[in-house]
Amino acid sequence: MDSNSRQSPSQAVHPAGTPTSPLTSSSPPFGMAHYASLYHGGASMPPLPPGIPVRSVWEDNLELELRFLHSFVHNARYAAVNIHYPGVIHNGSQKHTSQTADERYSVIKANVDTLKPIQVGLAIYNDFGHIVAWEFNLRGFHPVMDPHAANSVGYLQERGLSQ
């Protein structure tokens, strides 16, 4: 099994990346509301639960993945988007927990305005209880020329996202 299709032993996955049998519950599995409440509470978002296939998208498989995404979203119920940047370079003048909401927003905005996105994540949950996640890997980040956090370059090189 490659690292892009994570699954639990009890869940079979169709070659197209969707589980072979729908879940019986009409609400999102794995406590999705719980994940959102953790994130808004200041904690970092937990990793996806085991069994959710993550499809890595690069230039050479973009068309194929877009066709699969297009067919999968016809019955979409929920979607989540995540954008990855090469680290954090603006931290603000005080500890995150002691900042006001406006101060935290300003710090996040400063980082987003300064840094180039390197990856866009998309997770879709559909009416049949299937969940698939994509990681769209973006081009154009150059550590010599582009601002980034120094400790992020090694991680980026391991993932093949920097040149």
N, C-alpha and C. Protein backbone atom coordinates (compact mmCIF):
# COMPACT_ATOMS: atom_id res chain seq x y z
N MET A 1 0.85 -1.18 0.00
CA MET A 1 0.00 0.00 0.00
C MET A 1 0.89 1.23 0.00
N ASP A 2 0.60 2.20 -0.86
CA ASP A 2 1.40 3.42 -0.88
C ASP A 2 0.93 4.38 0.20
N SER A 3 1.75 5.37 0.49
CA SER A 3 1.46 6.30 1.58
C SER A 3 0.30 7.22 1.27
N ASN A 4 -0.18 7.22 0.02
CA ASN A 4 -1.25 8.13 -0.34
C ASN A 4 -2.63 7.52 -0.16
N SER A 5 -2.72 6.24 0.17
CA SER A 5 -4.04 5.63 0.37
C SER A 5 -4.07 4.94 1.71
N ARG A 6 -4.30 5.72 2.74
CA ARG A 6 -4.33 5.20 4.10
C ARG A 6 -5.69 4.54 4.34
N GLN A 7 -5.70 3.34 4.91
CA GLN A 7 -6.96 2.70 5.24
C GLN A 7 -6.79 1.83 6.46
N SER A 8 -7.88 1.64 7.18
CA SER A 8 -7.85 0.74 8.32
C SER A 8 -8.07 -0.67 7.81
N PRO A 9 -7.61 -1.69 8.53
CA PRO A 9 -7.76 -3.06 8.07
C PRO A 9 -9.22 -3.46 7.88
N SER A 10 -10.15 -2.86 8.61
CA SER A 10 -11.54 -3.25 8.52
C SER A 10 -12.31 -2.55 7.41
N GLN A 11 -11.67 -1.66 6.69
CA GLN A 11 -12.39 -0.90 5.66
C GLN A 11 -11.76 -1.17 4.30
N ALA A 12 -12.48 -1.79 3.41
CA ALA A 12 -11.99 -2.03 2.06
C ALA A 12 -12.13 -0.75 1.26
N VAL A 13 -11.19 -0.52 0.36
CA VAL A 13 -11.24 0.67 -0.47
C VAL A 13 -11.23 0.25 -1.92
N HIS A 14 -12.18 0.78 -2.67
CA HIS A 14 -12.27 0.54 -4.10
C HIS A 14 -11.04 1.14 -4.76
N PRO A 15 -10.58 0.58 -5.90
CA PRO A 15 -9.41 1.15 -6.58
C PRO A 15 -9.54 2.63 -6.89
N ALA A 16 -10.75 3.13 -7.06
CA ALA A 16 -10.93 4.56 -7.33
C ALA A 16 -10.74 5.40 -6.08
N GLY A 17 -10.60 4.75 -4.91
CA GLY A 17 -10.31 5.48 -3.69
C GLY A 17 -11.48 5.67 -2.76
N THR A 18 -12.66 5.13 -3.09
CA THR A 18 -13.81 5.29 -2.21
C THR A 18 -14.09 3.96 -1.52
N PRO A 19 -14.56 3.98 -0.28
CA PRO A 19 -14.88 2.73 0.40
C PRO A 19 -15.93 1.96 -0.38
N THR A 20 -15.87 0.62 -0.31
CA THR A 20 -16.77 -0.21 -1.10
C THR A 20 -18.16 -0.29 -0.53
N SER A 21 -18.34 0.00 0.75
CA SER A 21 -19.69 -0.03 1.31
C SER A 21 -19.95 1.26 2.06
N PRO A 22 -21.14 1.86 1.86
CA PRO A 22 -21.43 3.12 2.54
C PRO A 22 -21.62 2.92 4.04
N LEU A 23 -21.41 3.95 4.79
CA LEU A 23 -21.68 3.92 6.22
C LEU A 23 -23.18 4.06 6.42
N THR A 24 -23.67 3.57 7.53
CA THR A 24 -25.10 3.62 7.76
C THR A 24 -25.55 4.93 8.37
N SER A 25 -24.68 5.66 9.00
CA SER A 25 -25.04 6.90 9.67
C SER A 25 -25.24 8.02 8.66
N SER A 26 -26.19 8.91 8.94
CA SER A 26 -26.40 10.05 8.06
C SER A 26 -25.57 11.25 8.47
N SER A 27 -24.89 11.18 9.61
CA SER A 27 -24.02 12.27 10.04
C SER A 27 -22.58 11.90 9.75
N PRO A 28 -21.69 12.90 9.65
CA PRO A 28 -20.30 12.61 9.32
C PRO A 28 -19.68 11.69 10.37
N PRO A 29 -18.91 10.70 9.93
CA PRO A 29 -18.24 9.82 10.89
C PRO A 29 -17.06 10.53 11.53
N PHE A 30 -16.51 9.91 12.55
CA PHE A 30 -15.29 10.39 13.19
C PHE A 30 -15.47 11.70 13.92
N GLY A 31 -16.71 12.10 14.24
CA GLY A 31 -16.93 13.31 15.02
C GLY A 31 -16.41 14.57 14.36
N MET A 32 -16.80 14.83 13.13
CA MET A 32 -16.31 16.02 12.42
C MET A 32 -16.57 17.30 13.20
N ALA A 33 -17.71 17.41 13.88
CA ALA A 33 -17.99 18.60 14.67
C ALA A 33 -16.95 18.74 15.79
N HIS A 34 -16.52 17.60 16.33
CA HIS A 34 -15.49 17.62 17.37
C HIS A 34 -14.19 18.21 16.82
N TYR A 35 -13.81 17.83 15.59
CA TYR A 35 -12.60 18.37 14.98
C TYR A 35 -12.70 19.89 14.83
N ALA A 36 -13.84 20.35 14.36
CA ALA A 36 -14.02 21.79 14.17
C ALA A 36 -13.97 22.52 15.51
N SER A 37 -14.56 21.95 16.56
CA SER A 37 -14.55 22.63 17.85
C SER A 37 -13.13 22.70 18.42
N LEU A 38 -12.33 21.68 18.19
CA LEU A 38 -10.93 21.73 18.64
C LEU A 38 -10.17 22.83 17.92
N TYR A 39 -10.39 22.93 16.61
CA TYR A 39 -9.67 23.91 15.82
C TYR A 39 -10.02 25.33 16.25
N HIS A 40 -11.30 25.60 16.44
CA HIS A 40 -11.72 26.95 16.83
C HIS A 40 -11.30 27.28 18.25
N GLY A 41 -11.01 26.25 19.04
CA GLY A 41 -10.57 26.47 20.41
C GLY A 41 -9.10 26.80 20.51
N GLY A 42 -8.40 26.91 19.40
CA GLY A 42 -7.00 27.28 19.43
C GLY A 42 -6.06 26.11 19.25
N ALA A 43 -6.55 24.88 19.38
CA ALA A 43 -5.70 23.71 19.16
C ALA A 43 -5.52 23.50 17.67
N SER A 44 -4.45 22.82 17.28
CA SER A 44 -4.27 22.55 15.86
C SER A 44 -5.19 21.40 15.45
N MET A 45 -5.56 21.42 14.18
CA MET A 45 -6.48 20.43 13.65
C MET A 45 -5.83 19.05 13.72
N PRO A 46 -6.53 18.03 14.24
CA PRO A 46 -5.96 16.69 14.32
C PRO A 46 -5.86 16.07 12.93
N PRO A 47 -5.02 15.06 12.77
CA PRO A 47 -4.91 14.42 11.46
C PRO A 47 -6.21 13.70 11.11
N LEU A 48 -6.39 13.43 9.82
CA LEU A 48 -7.56 12.69 9.39
C LEU A 48 -7.56 11.32 10.05
N PRO A 49 -8.73 10.82 10.43
CA PRO A 49 -8.81 9.48 11.02
C PRO A 49 -8.32 8.42 10.02
N PRO A 50 -7.86 7.27 10.51
CA PRO A 50 -7.41 6.22 9.59
C PRO A 50 -8.56 5.75 8.71
N GLY A 51 -8.22 5.33 7.51
CA GLY A 51 -9.23 4.83 6.60
C GLY A 51 -9.67 5.83 5.56
N ILE A 52 -9.27 7.07 5.68
CA ILE A 52 -9.64 8.07 4.69
C ILE A 52 -8.52 8.15 3.66
N PRO A 53 -8.81 7.80 2.41
CA PRO A 53 -7.76 7.87 1.39
C PRO A 53 -7.38 9.32 1.12
N VAL A 54 -6.09 9.57 1.05
CA VAL A 54 -5.58 10.90 0.70
C VAL A 54 -4.88 10.76 -0.64
N ARG A 55 -5.41 11.45 -1.63
CA ARG A 55 -4.91 11.33 -2.99
C ARG A 55 -3.98 12.51 -3.28
N SER A 56 -2.72 12.21 -3.52
CA SER A 56 -1.73 13.24 -3.79
C SER A 56 -1.80 13.63 -5.26
N VAL A 57 -1.98 14.92 -5.52
CA VAL A 57 -2.17 15.41 -6.89
C VAL A 57 -0.96 16.25 -7.31
N TRP A 58 -0.37 15.84 -8.42
CA TRP A 58 0.76 16.55 -9.02
C TRP A 58 0.38 16.87 -10.47
N GLU A 59 1.24 17.54 -11.17
CA GLU A 59 0.95 17.93 -12.55
C GLU A 59 0.62 16.73 -13.42
N ASP A 60 1.33 15.62 -13.25
CA ASP A 60 1.15 14.47 -14.14
C ASP A 60 -0.16 13.70 -13.91
N ASN A 61 -0.82 13.84 -12.76
CA ASN A 61 -2.09 13.16 -12.55
C ASN A 61 -3.25 14.13 -12.29
N LEU A 62 -3.04 15.40 -12.55
CA LEU A 62 -4.06 16.42 -12.29
C LEU A 62 -5.36 16.15 -13.03
N GLU A 63 -5.31 15.89 -14.34
CA GLU A 63 -6.53 15.68 -15.12
C GLU A 63 -7.32 14.48 -14.62
N LEU A 64 -6.64 13.38 -14.32
CA LEU A 64 -7.31 12.18 -13.81
C LEU A 64 -7.99 12.46 -12.47
N GLU A 65 -7.29 13.13 -11.56
CA GLU A 65 -7.85 13.43 -10.25
C GLU A 65 -9.00 14.42 -10.33
N LEU A 66 -8.92 15.39 -11.23
CA LEU A 66 -10.03 16.33 -11.40
C LEU A 66 -11.28 15.62 -11.92
N ARG A 67 -11.10 14.64 -12.81
CA ARG A 67 -12.26 13.87 -13.29
C ARG A 67 -12.87 13.07 -12.14
N PHE A 68 -12.02 12.44 -11.31
CA PHE A 68 -12.53 11.68 -10.17
C PHE A 68 -13.23 12.61 -9.18
N LEU A 69 -12.62 13.75 -8.89
CA LEU A 69 -13.23 14.74 -7.99
C LEU A 69 -14.59 15.18 -8.52
N HIS A 70 -14.65 15.48 -9.81
CA HIS A 70 -15.91 15.92 -10.42
C HIS A 70 -17.00 14.87 -10.26
N SER A 71 -16.67 13.60 -10.44
CA SER A 71 -17.68 12.55 -10.30
C SER A 71 -18.04 12.33 -8.83
N PHE A 72 -17.11 12.55 -7.92
CA PHE A 72 -17.35 12.31 -6.50
C PHE A 72 -18.22 13.39 -5.85
N VAL A 73 -18.10 14.63 -6.29
CA VAL A 73 -18.78 15.75 -5.63
C VAL A 73 -20.26 15.87 -5.98
N HIS A 74 -20.75 15.08 -6.91
CA HIS A 74 -22.17 15.17 -7.26
C HIS A 74 -23.08 14.90 -6.07
N ASN A 75 -22.61 14.11 -5.12
CA ASN A 75 -23.40 13.79 -3.94
C ASN A 75 -22.74 14.34 -2.68
N ALA A 76 -21.98 15.40 -2.81
CA ALA A 76 -21.25 15.95 -1.67
C ALA A 76 -22.20 16.54 -0.63
N ARG A 77 -21.88 16.26 0.60
CA ARG A 77 -22.66 16.81 1.71
C ARG A 77 -21.82 17.85 2.46
N TYR A 78 -20.55 17.53 2.70
CA TYR A 78 -19.65 18.43 3.42
C TYR A 78 -18.32 18.51 2.67
N ALA A 79 -17.68 19.66 2.78
CA ALA A 79 -16.35 19.83 2.20
C ALA A 79 -15.50 20.62 3.19
N ALA A 80 -14.23 20.29 3.22
CA ALA A 80 -13.27 21.02 4.06
C ALA A 80 -12.06 21.35 3.20
N VAL A 81 -11.54 22.56 3.38
CA VAL A 81 -10.39 23.02 2.61
C VAL A 81 -9.31 23.45 3.59
N ASN A 82 -8.08 23.11 3.26
CA ASN A 82 -6.93 23.47 4.08
C ASN A 82 -5.81 23.92 3.15
N ILE A 83 -5.14 25.00 3.50
CA ILE A 83 -4.03 25.49 2.69
C ILE A 83 -2.77 25.45 3.53
N HIS A 84 -1.70 24.85 2.97
CA HIS A 84 -0.43 24.75 3.67
C HIS A 84 0.54 25.79 3.13
N TYR A 85 1.25 26.42 4.05
CA TYR A 85 2.26 27.42 3.72
C TYR A 85 3.61 26.94 4.25
N PRO A 86 4.71 27.49 3.75
CA PRO A 86 6.03 27.03 4.21
C PRO A 86 6.41 27.62 5.58
N GLY A 87 5.68 27.24 6.58
CA GLY A 87 5.99 27.66 7.94
C GLY A 87 5.25 28.92 8.36
N VAL A 88 5.69 29.46 9.47
CA VAL A 88 5.14 30.69 10.04
C VAL A 88 6.32 31.63 10.27
N ILE A 89 6.24 32.82 9.68
CA ILE A 89 7.35 33.76 9.86
C ILE A 89 6.97 34.96 10.72
N HIS A 90 5.69 35.25 10.84
CA HIS A 90 5.21 36.32 11.71
C HIS A 90 4.47 35.68 12.89
N ASN A 91 4.92 35.94 14.11
CA ASN A 91 4.30 35.33 15.29
C ASN A 91 3.56 36.33 16.17
N GLY A 92 3.71 37.58 15.93
CA GLY A 92 3.09 38.58 16.79
C GLY A 92 3.98 38.87 17.99
N SER A 93 3.61 39.87 18.75
CA SER A 93 4.45 40.32 19.86
C SER A 93 4.20 39.57 21.15
N GLN A 94 3.10 38.81 21.24
CA GLN A 94 2.81 38.09 22.47
C GLN A 94 2.39 36.65 22.17
N LYS A 95 2.33 35.85 23.21
CA LYS A 95 1.95 34.45 23.07
C LYS A 95 0.54 34.35 22.46
N HIS A 96 0.34 33.36 21.60
CA HIS A 96 -0.92 33.20 20.87
C HIS A 96 -2.13 33.19 21.80
N THR A 97 -2.03 32.51 22.93
CA THR A 97 -3.19 32.39 23.83
C THR A 97 -3.55 33.71 24.51
N SER A 98 -2.62 34.64 24.58
CA SER A 98 -2.93 35.92 25.22
C SER A 98 -3.31 37.01 24.22
N GLN A 99 -3.34 36.67 22.93
CA GLN A 99 -3.73 37.64 21.91
C GLN A 99 -5.25 37.71 21.79
N THR A 100 -5.72 38.88 21.42
CA THR A 100 -7.15 39.03 21.13
C THR A 100 -7.43 38.39 19.76
N ALA A 101 -8.68 38.20 19.44
CA ALA A 101 -9.06 37.64 18.14
C ALA A 101 -8.55 38.51 17.00
N ASP A 102 -8.62 39.83 17.16
CA ASP A 102 -8.12 40.74 16.12
C ASP A 102 -6.61 40.62 15.95
N GLU A 103 -5.88 40.46 17.06
CA GLU A 103 -4.42 40.30 16.97
C GLU A 103 -4.06 38.98 16.29
N ARG A 104 -4.75 37.89 16.64
CA ARG A 104 -4.49 36.60 15.99
C ARG A 104 -4.79 36.68 14.50
N TYR A 105 -5.88 37.33 14.15
CA TYR A 105 -6.23 37.49 12.74
C TYR A 105 -5.13 38.27 12.01
N SER A 106 -4.62 39.34 12.62
CA SER A 106 -3.56 40.14 11.99
C SER A 106 -2.31 39.33 11.74
N VAL A 107 -1.94 38.46 12.70
CA VAL A 107 -0.76 37.61 12.55
C VAL A 107 -0.97 36.60 11.41
N ILE A 108 -2.13 35.98 11.39
CA ILE A 108 -2.42 35.02 10.32
C ILE A 108 -2.43 35.72 8.97
N LYS A 109 -3.06 36.88 8.90
CA LYS A 109 -3.13 37.63 7.64
C LYS A 109 -1.73 38.03 7.16
N ALA A 110 -0.87 38.45 8.08
CA ALA A 110 0.50 38.82 7.71
C ALA A 110 1.23 37.63 7.10
N ASN A 111 1.07 36.44 7.68
CA ASN A 111 1.71 35.24 7.13
C ASN A 111 1.14 34.88 5.77
N VAL A 112 -0.18 34.91 5.62
CA VAL A 112 -0.81 34.57 4.35
C VAL A 112 -0.40 35.56 3.27
N ASP A 113 -0.33 36.85 3.62
CA ASP A 113 0.05 37.87 2.64
C ASP A 113 1.51 37.75 2.21
N THR A 114 2.37 37.22 3.08
CA THR A 114 3.81 37.15 2.80
C THR A 114 4.24 35.86 2.13
N LEU A 115 3.62 34.74 2.50
CA LEU A 115 4.07 33.42 2.06
C LEU A 115 3.29 32.91 0.86
N LYS A 116 3.96 32.08 0.06
CA LYS A 116 3.30 31.41 -1.06
C LYS A 116 2.68 30.11 -0.57
N PRO A 117 1.46 29.82 -0.96
CA PRO A 117 0.90 28.51 -0.59
C PRO A 117 1.66 27.41 -1.33
N ILE A 118 1.82 26.26 -0.66
CA ILE A 118 2.54 25.15 -1.29
C ILE A 118 1.65 23.93 -1.52
N GLN A 119 0.51 23.90 -0.82
CA GLN A 119 -0.39 22.76 -0.97
C GLN A 119 -1.80 23.17 -0.57
N VAL A 120 -2.78 22.66 -1.33
CA VAL A 120 -4.18 22.89 -1.01
C VAL A 120 -4.81 21.52 -0.75
N GLY A 121 -5.40 21.38 0.42
CA GLY A 121 -6.07 20.13 0.77
C GLY A 121 -7.58 20.29 0.64
N LEU A 122 -8.23 19.24 0.17
CA LEU A 122 -9.68 19.24 0.01
C LEU A 122 -10.19 17.87 0.47
N ALA A 123 -11.14 17.87 1.39
CA ALA A 123 -11.77 16.63 1.83
C ALA A 123 -13.27 16.74 1.57
N ILE A 124 -13.84 15.68 1.02
CA ILE A 124 -15.26 15.66 0.68
C ILE A 124 -15.91 14.46 1.37
N TYR A 125 -17.05 14.71 1.99
CA TYR A 125 -17.89 13.66 2.57
C TYR A 125 -19.18 13.67 1.78
N ASN A 126 -19.59 12.51 1.24
CA ASN A 126 -20.79 12.52 0.40
C ASN A 126 -21.98 11.84 1.08
N ASP A 127 -23.12 11.84 0.38
CA ASP A 127 -24.37 11.30 0.91
C ASP A 127 -24.30 9.80 1.22
N PHE A 128 -23.34 9.10 0.65
CA PHE A 128 -23.21 7.66 0.85
C PHE A 128 -22.26 7.32 1.99
N GLY A 129 -21.75 8.35 2.68
CA GLY A 129 -20.83 8.12 3.79
C GLY A 129 -19.39 7.93 3.37
N HIS A 130 -19.07 8.19 2.13
CA HIS A 130 -17.69 8.07 1.65
C HIS A 130 -16.95 9.38 1.88
N ILE A 131 -15.70 9.26 2.26
CA ILE A 131 -14.85 10.43 2.45
C ILE A 131 -13.58 10.22 1.63
N VAL A 132 -13.21 11.23 0.87
CA VAL A 132 -11.95 11.21 0.13
C VAL A 132 -11.30 12.57 0.33
N ALA A 133 -9.97 12.55 0.45
CA ALA A 133 -9.22 13.79 0.60
C ALA A 133 -8.18 13.88 -0.51
N TRP A 134 -7.96 15.07 -1.00
CA TRP A 134 -6.95 15.33 -2.01
C TRP A 134 -5.95 16.31 -1.45
N GLU A 135 -4.68 16.16 -1.82
CA GLU A 135 -3.67 17.18 -1.53
C GLU A 135 -3.11 17.62 -2.88
N PHE A 136 -3.45 18.85 -3.25
CA PHE A 136 -2.99 19.44 -4.50
C PHE A 136 -1.66 20.13 -4.23
N ASN A 137 -0.59 19.61 -4.82
CA ASN A 137 0.75 20.13 -4.60
C ASN A 137 1.03 21.22 -5.63
N LEU A 138 1.38 22.40 -5.15
CA LEU A 138 1.55 23.56 -6.00
C LEU A 138 3.03 23.77 -6.36
N ARG A 139 3.26 24.41 -7.49
CA ARG A 139 4.62 24.72 -7.92
C ARG A 139 4.94 26.18 -7.62
N GLY A 140 6.21 26.52 -7.75
CA GLY A 140 6.60 27.91 -7.68
C GLY A 140 7.28 28.34 -6.39
N PHE A 141 7.39 27.46 -5.40
CA PHE A 141 8.09 27.83 -4.17
C PHE A 141 9.58 27.56 -4.35
N HIS A 142 10.40 28.58 -4.07
CA HIS A 142 11.85 28.46 -4.18
C HIS A 142 12.46 28.97 -2.87
N PRO A 143 13.02 28.07 -2.04
CA PRO A 143 13.51 28.48 -0.73
C PRO A 143 14.61 29.54 -0.75
N VAL A 144 15.33 29.65 -1.85
CA VAL A 144 16.37 30.67 -1.93
C VAL A 144 15.76 32.06 -2.09
N MET A 145 14.63 32.13 -2.81
CA MET A 145 14.03 33.43 -3.12
C MET A 145 12.79 33.75 -2.29
N ASP A 146 12.05 32.73 -1.85
CA ASP A 146 10.77 32.97 -1.20
C ASP A 146 10.87 32.92 0.32
N PRO A 147 10.15 33.81 1.01
CA PRO A 147 10.17 33.77 2.48
C PRO A 147 9.59 32.45 2.98
N HIS A 148 10.15 31.97 4.09
CA HIS A 148 9.70 30.72 4.70
C HIS A 148 10.31 30.61 6.09
N ALA A 149 9.77 29.71 6.89
CA ALA A 149 10.37 29.42 8.19
C ALA A 149 11.53 28.46 7.95
N ALA A 150 12.66 28.73 8.57
CA ALA A 150 13.87 27.94 8.33
C ALA A 150 13.65 26.45 8.60
N ASN A 151 12.90 26.12 9.63
CA ASN A 151 12.71 24.70 9.96
C ASN A 151 11.76 23.98 9.01
N SER A 152 11.11 24.70 8.11
CA SER A 152 10.16 24.06 7.20
C SER A 152 10.82 23.53 5.93
N VAL A 153 12.01 23.97 5.59
CA VAL A 153 12.64 23.58 4.33
C VAL A 153 12.91 22.07 4.27
N GLY A 154 13.39 21.47 5.33
CA GLY A 154 13.64 20.02 5.34
C GLY A 154 12.37 19.24 5.09
N TYR A 155 11.31 19.63 5.77
CA TYR A 155 10.01 18.97 5.57
C TYR A 155 9.56 19.11 4.12
N LEU A 156 9.69 20.30 3.57
CA LEU A 156 9.27 20.54 2.19
C LEU A 156 10.07 19.68 1.22
N GLN A 157 11.37 19.55 1.45
CA GLN A 157 12.21 18.75 0.57
C GLN A 157 11.83 17.27 0.66
N GLU A 158 11.53 16.78 1.86
CA GLU A 158 11.09 15.39 2.02
C GLU A 158 9.81 15.12 1.23
N ARG A 159 8.92 16.09 1.18
CA ARG A 159 7.65 15.94 0.49
C ARG A 159 7.76 16.25 -1.00
N GLY A 160 8.94 16.70 -1.47
CA GLY A 160 9.11 17.00 -2.87
C GLY A 160 8.50 18.31 -3.30
N LEU A 161 8.27 19.23 -2.34
CA LEU A 161 7.60 20.48 -2.65
C LEU A 161 8.53 21.66 -2.90
N SER A 162 9.82 21.48 -2.72
CA SER A 162 10.73 22.58 -2.99
C SER A 162 11.77 22.13 -4.00
N GLN A 163 12.37 23.12 -4.64
CA GLN A 163 13.34 22.81 -5.69
C GLN A 163 14.74 23.11 -5.22
